[in-house]
C-alpha atoms as a PDB file:
ATOM      1  CA  UNK A   1     -12.940 -23.439 -16.491  1.00  0.00           C
ATOM      2  CA  UNK A   2     -11.243 -20.043 -16.793  1.00  0.00           C
ATOM      3  CA  UNK A   3     -10.418 -17.786 -13.842  1.00  0.00           C
ATOM      4  CA  UNK A   4     -12.752 -14.797 -13.705  1.00  0.00           C
ATOM      5  CA  UNK A   5      -9.827 -12.398 -13.206  1.00  0.00           C
ATOM      6  CA  UNK A   6      -6.741 -13.685 -15.008  1.00  0.00           C
ATOM      7  CA  UNK A   7      -8.684 -15.918 -17.460  1.00  0.00           C
ATOM      8  CA  UNK A   8      -6.185 -18.741 -16.984  1.00  0.00           C
ATOM      9  CA  UNK A   9      -7.733 -22.205 -17.407  1.00  0.00           C
ATOM     10  CA  UNK A  10      -7.865 -24.149 -14.134  1.00  0.00           C
ATOM     11  CA  UNK A  11      -9.648 -27.039 -12.465  1.00  0.00           C
ATOM     12  CA  UNK A  12     -11.660 -25.752  -9.497  1.00  0.00           C
ATOM     13  CA  UNK A  13     -11.324 -27.768  -6.318  1.00  0.00           C
ATOM     14  CA  UNK A  14     -14.610 -29.450  -5.434  1.00  0.00           C
ATOM     15  CA  UNK A  15     -15.682 -31.657  -2.547  1.00  0.00           C
ATOM     16  CA  UNK A  16     -18.736 -33.568  -1.375  1.00  0.00           C
ATOM     17  CA  UNK A  17     -19.897 -30.309   0.214  1.00  0.00           C
ATOM     18  CA  UNK A  18     -20.289 -28.792  -3.255  1.00  0.00           C
ATOM     19  CA  UNK A  19     -22.429 -31.723  -4.396  1.00  0.00           C
ATOM     20  CA  UNK A  20     -24.526 -31.961  -1.225  1.00  0.00           C
ATOM     21  CA  UNK A  21     -25.154 -28.224  -0.770  1.00  0.00           C
ATOM     22  CA  UNK A  22     -25.051 -27.205  -4.438  1.00  0.00           C
ATOM     23  CA  UNK A  23     -22.288 -24.787  -3.464  1.00  0.00           C
ATOM     24  CA  UNK A  24     -20.675 -23.222  -6.496  1.00  0.00           C
ATOM     25  CA  UNK A  25     -17.038 -23.906  -7.287  1.00  0.00           C
ATOM     26  CA  UNK A  26     -14.688 -20.972  -6.833  1.00  0.00           C
ATOM     27  CA  UNK A  27     -14.675 -18.716  -9.895  1.00  0.00           C
ATOM     28  CA  UNK A  28     -11.052 -17.704  -9.196  1.00  0.00           C
ATOM     29  CA  UNK A  29      -7.901 -19.729  -9.599  1.00  0.00           C
ATOM     30  CA  UNK A  30      -5.857 -20.347  -6.448  1.00  0.00           C
ATOM     31  CA  UNK A  31      -3.257 -17.750  -7.416  1.00  0.00           C
ATOM     32  CA  UNK A  32      -5.812 -14.937  -7.773  1.00  0.00           C
ATOM     33  CA  UNK A  33      -7.787 -16.006  -4.697  1.00  0.00           C
ATOM     34  CA  UNK A  34      -4.656 -16.002  -2.555  1.00  0.00           C
ATOM     35  CA  UNK A  35      -3.633 -12.583  -3.891  1.00  0.00           C
ATOM     36  CA  UNK A  36      -6.756 -11.074  -2.301  1.00  0.00           C
ATOM     37  CA  UNK A  37      -5.521 -10.157   1.169  1.00  0.00           C
ATOM     38  CA  UNK A  38      -8.287 -10.664   3.741  1.00  0.00           C
ATOM     39  CA  UNK A  39      -8.331  -8.468   6.818  1.00  0.00           C
ATOM     40  CA  UNK A  40      -7.681 -10.447   9.987  1.00  0.00           C
ATOM     41  CA  UNK A  41      -6.484  -9.909  13.530  1.00  0.00           C
ATOM     42  CA  UNK A  42      -6.915  -6.781  15.643  1.00  0.00           C
ATOM     43  CA  UNK A  43      -8.517  -3.794  13.933  1.00  0.00           C
ATOM     44  CA  UNK A  44      -9.540  -0.235  14.782  1.00  0.00           C
ATOM     45  CA  UNK A  45     -12.927  -0.402  16.505  1.00  0.00           C
ATOM     46  CA  UNK A  46     -14.365   2.276  14.232  1.00  0.00           C
ATOM     47  CA  UNK A  47     -12.841   2.136  10.754  1.00  0.00           C
ATOM     48  CA  UNK A  48     -11.675  -1.487  10.715  1.00  0.00           C
ATOM     49  CA  UNK A  49      -8.067  -0.652   9.889  1.00  0.00           C
ATOM     50  CA  UNK A  50      -5.708  -3.523  10.817  1.00  0.00           C
ATOM     51  CA  UNK A  51      -3.579  -2.733  13.850  1.00  0.00           C
ATOM     52  CA  UNK A  52      -0.629  -4.787  12.615  1.00  0.00           C
ATOM     53  CA  UNK A  53       2.148  -2.525  11.416  1.00  0.00           C
ATOM     54  CA  UNK A  54       0.758   0.630  13.020  1.00  0.00           C
ATOM     55  CA  UNK A  55       3.178   2.545  15.216  1.00  0.00           C
ATOM     56  CA  UNK A  56       2.114   2.879  18.881  1.00  0.00           C
ATOM     57  CA  UNK A  57       1.816   6.634  18.308  1.00  0.00           C
ATOM     58  CA  UNK A  58      -0.776   5.944  15.560  1.00  0.00           C
ATOM     59  CA  UNK A  59      -3.243   4.119  17.780  1.00  0.00           C
ATOM     60  CA  UNK A  60      -4.838   4.602  21.166  1.00  0.00           C
ATOM     61  CA  UNK A  61      -7.437   2.551  23.042  1.00  0.00           C
ATOM     62  CA  UNK A  62      -8.239   0.369  19.991  1.00  0.00           C
ATOM     63  CA  UNK A  63      -8.632   3.386  17.704  1.00  0.00           C
ATOM     64  CA  UNK A  64      -6.278   4.438  14.923  1.00  0.00           C
ATOM     65  CA  UNK A  65      -4.969   7.997  14.645  1.00  0.00           C
ATOM     66  CA  UNK A  66      -7.461   8.874  11.885  1.00  0.00           C
ATOM     67  CA  UNK A  67     -10.464   7.843  13.964  1.00  0.00           C
ATOM     68  CA  UNK A  68      -9.096   9.644  17.022  1.00  0.00           C
ATOM     69  CA  UNK A  69      -9.118  12.797  14.878  1.00  0.00           C
ATOM     70  CA  UNK A  70     -12.663  12.107  13.664  1.00  0.00           C
ATOM     71  CA  UNK A  71     -13.863  11.582  17.231  1.00  0.00           C
ATOM     72  CA  UNK A  72     -12.161  14.785  18.404  1.00  0.00           C
ATOM     73  CA  UNK A  73     -14.188  16.819  15.894  1.00  0.00           C
ATOM     74  CA  UNK A  74     -17.625  17.687  17.287  1.00  0.00           C
ATOM     75  CA  UNK A  75     -19.086  17.876  13.778  1.00  0.00           C
ATOM     76  CA  UNK A  76     -18.095  14.312  12.930  1.00  0.00           C
ATOM     77  CA  UNK A  77     -17.933  12.486  16.257  1.00  0.00           C
ATOM     78  CA  UNK A  78     -19.980   9.248  16.167  1.00  0.00           C
ATOM     79  CA  UNK A  79     -21.425  10.046  12.726  1.00  0.00           C
ATOM     80  CA  UNK A  80     -20.189   6.661  11.504  1.00  0.00           C
ATOM     81  CA  UNK A  81     -20.631   3.964  14.141  1.00  0.00           C
ATOM     82  CA  UNK A  82     -18.218   1.560  12.471  1.00  0.00           C
ATOM     83  CA  UNK A  83     -16.861   0.402   9.152  1.00  0.00           C
ATOM     84  CA  UNK A  84     -15.935  -3.161   8.350  1.00  0.00           C
ATOM     85  CA  UNK A  85     -14.041  -4.212   5.217  1.00  0.00           C
ATOM     86  CA  UNK A  86     -13.286  -7.596   3.714  1.00  0.00           C
ATOM     87  CA  UNK A  87      -9.923  -7.097   1.995  1.00  0.00           C
ATOM     88  CA  UNK A  88      -6.908  -4.822   2.110  1.00  0.00           C
ATOM     89  CA  UNK A  89      -6.591  -2.469  -0.843  1.00  0.00           C
ATOM     90  CA  UNK A  90      -3.259  -3.923  -1.938  1.00  0.00           C
ATOM     91  CA  UNK A  91      -1.750  -3.698  -5.422  1.00  0.00           C
ATOM     92  CA  UNK A  92      -3.647  -6.729  -6.650  1.00  0.00           C
ATOM     93  CA  UNK A  93      -6.969  -5.400  -5.356  1.00  0.00           C
ATOM     94  CA  UNK A  94      -6.264  -2.075  -7.087  1.00  0.00           C
ATOM     95  CA  UNK A  95      -5.916  -3.959 -10.377  1.00  0.00           C
ATOM     96  CA  UNK A  96      -9.120  -5.878  -9.708  1.00  0.00           C
ATOM     97  CA  UNK A  97     -11.064  -2.715  -8.861  1.00  0.00           C
ATOM     98  CA  UNK A  98      -9.766  -1.012 -12.015  1.00  0.00           C
ATOM     99  CA  UNK A  99     -10.908  -3.999 -14.088  1.00  0.00           C
ATOM    100  CA  UNK A 100     -14.278  -3.954 -12.381  1.00  0.00           C
ATOM    101  CA  UNK A 101     -15.115  -0.250 -12.081  1.00  0.00           C
ATOM    102  CA  UNK A 102     -13.249   1.507 -14.827  1.00  0.00           C
ATOM    103  CA  UNK A 103     -13.203  -1.152 -17.524  1.00  0.00           C
ATOM    104  CA  UNK A 104     -16.762  -2.216 -16.879  1.00  0.00           C
ATOM    105  CA  UNK A 105     -16.343  -5.935 -16.152  1.00  0.00           C
ATOM    106  CA  UNK A 106     -19.491  -6.286 -14.030  1.00  0.00           C
ATOM    107  CA  UNK A 107     -19.087 -10.058 -13.596  1.00  0.00           C
ATOM    108  CA  UNK A 108     -16.013  -9.545 -11.379  1.00  0.00           C
ATOM    109  CA  UNK A 109     -18.332  -8.911  -8.420  1.00  0.00           C
ATOM    110  CA  UNK A 110     -19.119 -12.645  -8.293  1.00  0.00           C
ATOM    111  CA  UNK A 111     -15.606 -13.276  -6.959  1.00  0.00           C
ATOM    112  CA  UNK A 112     -16.474 -11.449  -3.725  1.00  0.00           C
ATOM    113  CA  UNK A 113     -19.872 -12.958  -2.900  1.00  0.00           C
ATOM    114  CA  UNK A 114     -19.027 -15.527  -0.233  1.00  0.00           C
ATOM    115  CA  UNK A 115     -16.594 -13.374   1.738  1.00  0.00           C
ATOM    116  CA  UNK A 116     -18.700 -10.220   1.456  1.00  0.00           C
ATOM    117  CA  UNK A 117     -21.804 -12.005   2.771  1.00  0.00           C
ATOM    118  CA  UNK A 118     -19.796 -13.687   5.521  1.00  0.00           C
ATOM    119  CA  UNK A 119     -18.407 -10.346   6.699  1.00  0.00           C
ATOM    120  CA  UNK A 120     -21.867  -8.766   6.672  1.00  0.00           C
ATOM    121  CA  UNK A 121     -23.343 -11.407   8.962  1.00  0.00           C
ATOM    122  CA  UNK A 122     -20.323 -11.270  11.274  1.00  0.00           C
ATOM    123  CA  UNK A 123     -21.171  -7.670  12.154  1.00  0.00           C
ATOM    124  CA  UNK A 124     -24.766  -6.968  11.085  1.00  0.00           C
ATOM    125  CA  UNK A 125     -28.077  -8.731  10.480  1.00  0.00           C
ATOM    126  CA  UNK A 126     -31.241  -8.358   8.433  1.00  0.00           C
ATOM    127  CA  UNK A 127     -32.707  -5.714  10.773  1.00  0.00           C
ATOM    128  CA  UNK A 128     -30.329  -3.173   9.186  1.00  0.00           C
ATOM    129  CA  UNK A 129     -31.428  -1.202   6.130  1.00  0.00           C
ATOM    130  CA  UNK A 130     -29.017  -1.809   3.250  1.00  0.00           C
ATOM    131  CA  UNK A 131     -28.164   1.487   1.530  1.00  0.00           C
ATOM    132  CA  UNK A 132     -25.652   1.505  -1.351  1.00  0.00           C
ATOM    133  CA  UNK A 133     -23.623   4.702  -1.733  1.00  0.00           C
ATOM    134  CA  UNK A 134     -24.905   6.199  -5.000  1.00  0.00           C
ATOM    135  CA  UNK A 135     -23.008   7.499  -7.996  1.00  0.00           C
ATOM    136  CA  UNK A 136     -23.936  10.764  -9.644  1.00  0.00           C
ATOM    137  CA  UNK A 137     -26.073  10.414 -12.778  1.00  0.00           C
ATOM    138  CA  UNK A 138     -23.051  11.423 -14.874  1.00  0.00           C
ATOM    139  CA  UNK A 139     -20.760   8.833 -13.277  1.00  0.00           C
ATOM    140  CA  UNK A 140     -23.434   6.130 -13.549  1.00  0.00           C
ATOM    141  CA  UNK A 141     -23.811   6.829 -17.277  1.00  0.00           C
ATOM    142  CA  UNK A 142     -20.040   6.715 -17.683  1.00  0.00           C
ATOM    143  CA  UNK A 143     -19.581   3.356 -15.912  1.00  0.00           C
ATOM    144  CA  UNK A 144     -22.859   1.675 -16.753  1.00  0.00           C
ATOM    145  CA  UNK A 145     -23.439   0.368 -13.217  1.00  0.00           C
ATOM    146  CA  UNK A 146     -23.017   1.360  -9.581  1.00  0.00           C
ATOM    147  CA  UNK A 147     -20.370  -0.837  -7.972  1.00  0.00           C
ATOM    148  CA  UNK A 148     -21.806  -0.207  -4.480  1.00  0.00           C
ATOM    149  CA  UNK A 149     -25.237  -1.454  -5.556  1.00  0.00           C
ATOM    150  CA  UNK A 150     -23.614  -4.484  -7.217  1.00  0.00           C
ATOM    151  CA  UNK A 151     -22.025  -5.344  -3.865  1.00  0.00           C
ATOM    152  CA  UNK A 152     -25.300  -4.758  -2.004  1.00  0.00           C
ATOM    153  CA  UNK A 153     -27.059  -7.189  -4.331  1.00  0.00           C
ATOM    154  CA  UNK A 154     -24.698  -9.953  -3.190  1.00  0.00           C
ATOM    155  CA  UNK A 155     -26.430  -9.891   0.210  1.00  0.00           C
ATOM    156  CA  UNK A 156     -29.811 -10.945  -1.252  1.00  0.00           C
ATOM    157  CA  UNK A 157     -31.602  -8.548   1.114  1.00  0.00           C
ATOM    158  CA  UNK A 158     -33.904  -5.603   0.310  1.00  0.00           C
ATOM    159  CA  UNK A 159     -31.931  -2.627  -0.991  1.00  0.00           C
ATOM    160  CA  UNK A 160     -32.984   0.898  -0.054  1.00  0.00           C
ATOM    161  CA  UNK A 161     -31.742   3.564  -2.463  1.00  0.00           C
ATOM    162  CA  UNK A 162     -32.287   6.424  -0.050  1.00  0.00           C
ATOM    163  CA  UNK A 163     -29.589   8.781  -1.309  1.00  0.00           C
ATOM    164  CA  UNK A 164     -28.857  10.857  -4.408  1.00  0.00           C
ATOM    165  CA  UNK A 165     -25.474  12.341  -5.294  1.00  0.00           C
ATOM    166  CA  UNK A 166     -24.414  15.490  -7.118  1.00  0.00           C
ATOM    167  CA  UNK A 167     -21.643  15.245  -9.694  1.00  0.00           C
ATOM    168  CA  UNK A 168     -18.298  16.674  -8.594  1.00  0.00           C
ATOM    169  CA  UNK A 169     -14.609  16.038  -9.250  1.00  0.00           C
ATOM    170  CA  UNK A 170     -13.558  12.531  -8.226  1.00  0.00           C
ATOM    171  CA  UNK A 171     -12.983  12.381  -4.478  1.00  0.00           C
ATOM    172  CA  UNK A 172      -9.851  10.268  -4.968  1.00  0.00           C
ATOM    173  CA  UNK A 173      -8.110  13.330  -6.424  1.00  0.00           C
ATOM    174  CA  UNK A 174      -8.624  15.348  -3.249  1.00  0.00           C
ATOM    175  CA  UNK A 175      -6.741  15.491   0.019  1.00  0.00           C
ATOM    176  CA  UNK A 176      -8.470  14.662   3.287  1.00  0.00           C
ATOM    177  CA  UNK A 177      -8.780  18.364   4.139  1.00  0.00           C
ATOM    178  CA  UNK A 178     -10.238  19.170   0.714  1.00  0.00           C
ATOM    179  CA  UNK A 179     -12.774  16.379   1.139  1.00  0.00           C
ATOM    180  CA  UNK A 180     -13.816  17.709   4.531  1.00  0.00           C
ATOM    181  CA  UNK A 181     -14.309  21.199   3.123  1.00  0.00           C
ATOM    182  CA  UNK A 182     -16.403  19.924   0.225  1.00  0.00           C
ATOM    183  CA  UNK A 183     -20.107  20.667   0.500  1.00  0.00           C
ATOM    184  CA  UNK A 184     -22.107  17.519   1.177  1.00  0.00           C
ATOM    185  CA  UNK A 185     -22.881  15.957  -2.209  1.00  0.00           C
ATOM    186  CA  UNK A 186     -25.614  13.698  -0.816  1.00  0.00           C
ATOM    187  CA  UNK A 187     -29.302  14.280  -0.219  1.00  0.00           C
ATOM    188  CA  UNK A 188     -32.277  12.048   0.420  1.00  0.00           C
ATOM    189  CA  UNK A 189     -33.781  10.666  -2.777  1.00  0.00           C
ATOM    190  CA  UNK A 190     -37.218  11.211  -1.238  1.00  0.00           C
ATOM    191  CA  UNK A 191     -38.519  12.635   1.986  1.00  0.00           C
ATOM    192  CA  UNK A 192     -38.805   9.787   4.407  1.00  0.00           C
ATOM    193  CA  UNK A 193     -38.526   9.098   8.113  1.00  0.00           C
ATOM    194  CA  UNK A 194     -35.830   6.701   9.192  1.00  0.00           C
ATOM    195  CA  UNK A 195     -36.719   7.068  12.846  1.00  0.00           C
ATOM    196  CA  UNK A 196     -35.016   4.434  14.956  1.00  0.00           C
ATOM    197  CA  UNK A 197     -33.691   2.386  12.025  1.00  0.00           C
ATOM    198  CA  UNK A 198     -30.078   1.142  11.898  1.00  0.00           C
ATOM    199  CA  UNK A 199     -28.414   1.484   8.509  1.00  0.00           C
ATOM    200  CA  UNK A 200     -25.469  -0.140   6.756  1.00  0.00           C
ATOM    201  CA  UNK A 201     -23.954   1.842   3.902  1.00  0.00           C
ATOM    202  CA  UNK A 202     -22.377  -0.317   1.187  1.00  0.00           C
ATOM    203  CA  UNK A 203     -19.398   0.931  -0.823  1.00  0.00           C
ATOM    204  CA  UNK A 204     -16.350  -0.466  -2.592  1.00  0.00           C
ATOM    205  CA  UNK A 205     -13.436   1.199  -0.769  1.00  0.00           C
ATOM    206  CA  UNK A 206     -12.882   2.923   2.577  1.00  0.00           C
ATOM    207  CA  UNK A 207     -10.031   5.397   2.240  1.00  0.00           C
ATOM    208  CA  UNK A 208     -10.371   8.444   4.495  1.00  0.00           C
ATOM    209  CA  UNK A 209     -13.973   7.710   5.451  1.00  0.00           C
ATOM    210  CA  UNK A 210     -15.127  11.184   4.387  1.00  0.00           C
ATOM    211  CA  UNK A 211     -17.578  10.026   1.712  1.00  0.00           C
ATOM    212  CA  UNK A 212     -19.228   7.559   4.065  1.00  0.00           C
ATOM    213  CA  UNK A 213     -19.493  10.138   6.842  1.00  0.00           C
ATOM    214  CA  UNK A 214     -21.094  12.690   4.526  1.00  0.00           C
ATOM    215  CA  UNK A 215     -23.672  10.079   3.514  1.00  0.00           C
ATOM    216  CA  UNK A 216     -24.186   9.020   7.143  1.00  0.00           C
ATOM    217  CA  UNK A 217     -24.810  12.590   8.236  1.00  0.00           C
ATOM    218  CA  UNK A 218     -27.752  12.904   5.820  1.00  0.00           C
ATOM    219  CA  UNK A 219     -29.262   9.641   7.066  1.00  0.00           C
ATOM    220  CA  UNK A 220     -28.835  10.562  10.731  1.00  0.00           C
ATOM    221  CA  UNK A 221     -30.543  13.887  10.082  1.00  0.00           C
ATOM    222  CA  UNK A 222     -33.484  11.908   8.671  1.00  0.00           C
ATOM    223  CA  UNK A 223     -33.744  10.032  11.969  1.00  0.00           C
ATOM    224  CA  UNK A 224     -31.623   6.917  11.536  1.00  0.00           C
ATOM    225  CA  UNK A 225     -30.684   5.304  14.846  1.00  0.00           C
ATOM    226  CA  UNK A 226     -27.143   4.611  13.649  1.00  0.00           C
ATOM    227  CA  UNK A 227     -25.148   4.399  10.434  1.00  0.00           C
ATOM    228  CA  UNK A 228     -22.348   1.902   9.859  1.00  0.00           C
ATOM    229  CA  UNK A 229     -20.713   0.764   6.649  1.00  0.00           C
ATOM    230  CA  UNK A 230     -19.457  -2.359   4.919  1.00  0.00           C
ATOM    231  CA  UNK A 231     -16.870  -1.942   2.184  1.00  0.00           C
ATOM    232  CA  UNK A 232     -15.111  -4.405  -0.044  1.00  0.00           C
ATOM    233  CA  UNK A 233     -11.630  -3.028   0.636  1.00  0.00           C
ATOM    234  CA  UNK A 234      -9.808  -0.899   3.217  1.00  0.00           C
ATOM    235  CA  UNK A 235      -7.277   1.553   1.814  1.00  0.00           C
END
């Protein structure tokens, strides 16, 4: 068997659990699996940023400095209830995301299934509407698939494509202030009432949180009770 990421031949470790539960063997070799740095320990209550390594001046009452700034802004306060992420966006994860998103290796998503589902059910349940963050039509044509929808499909729950997105310059090229000043690129894909419904946005990476908050604002305006997010990685 070859590792899904590095393509090195390896013998996956199996046990009686795999035979009795029909659990699939790991599609990654031990080296690649261990290079994915899972988030653990104390985190910011809102964005899920690990507290380890943060200076005392960069956190307050279980919030990081970024979320303190978000909460101090009346326009954005409580727009995103919380974000939870599975992995840190370390150098190895950056390589994996590049392989997946920009070089079109759709199958890479299989490597995240168990941990992504486990993290979802740690913080949410099937009463939440699953909404993948959309790509613009231009970006979708360019990549061939929406990585956020690919992650959402791992949950094996109904997916609600409630949002559309206008095509603009890549958000990763902009500063936090430039992102904040950008007109909201999201709109509802159809007029619908979300009255009283909790929502989980699904995306690949949480960086500044601006994209997720813009999407959340549209959903809250449509009546959603709350909007949280689950991302693969935390930048």
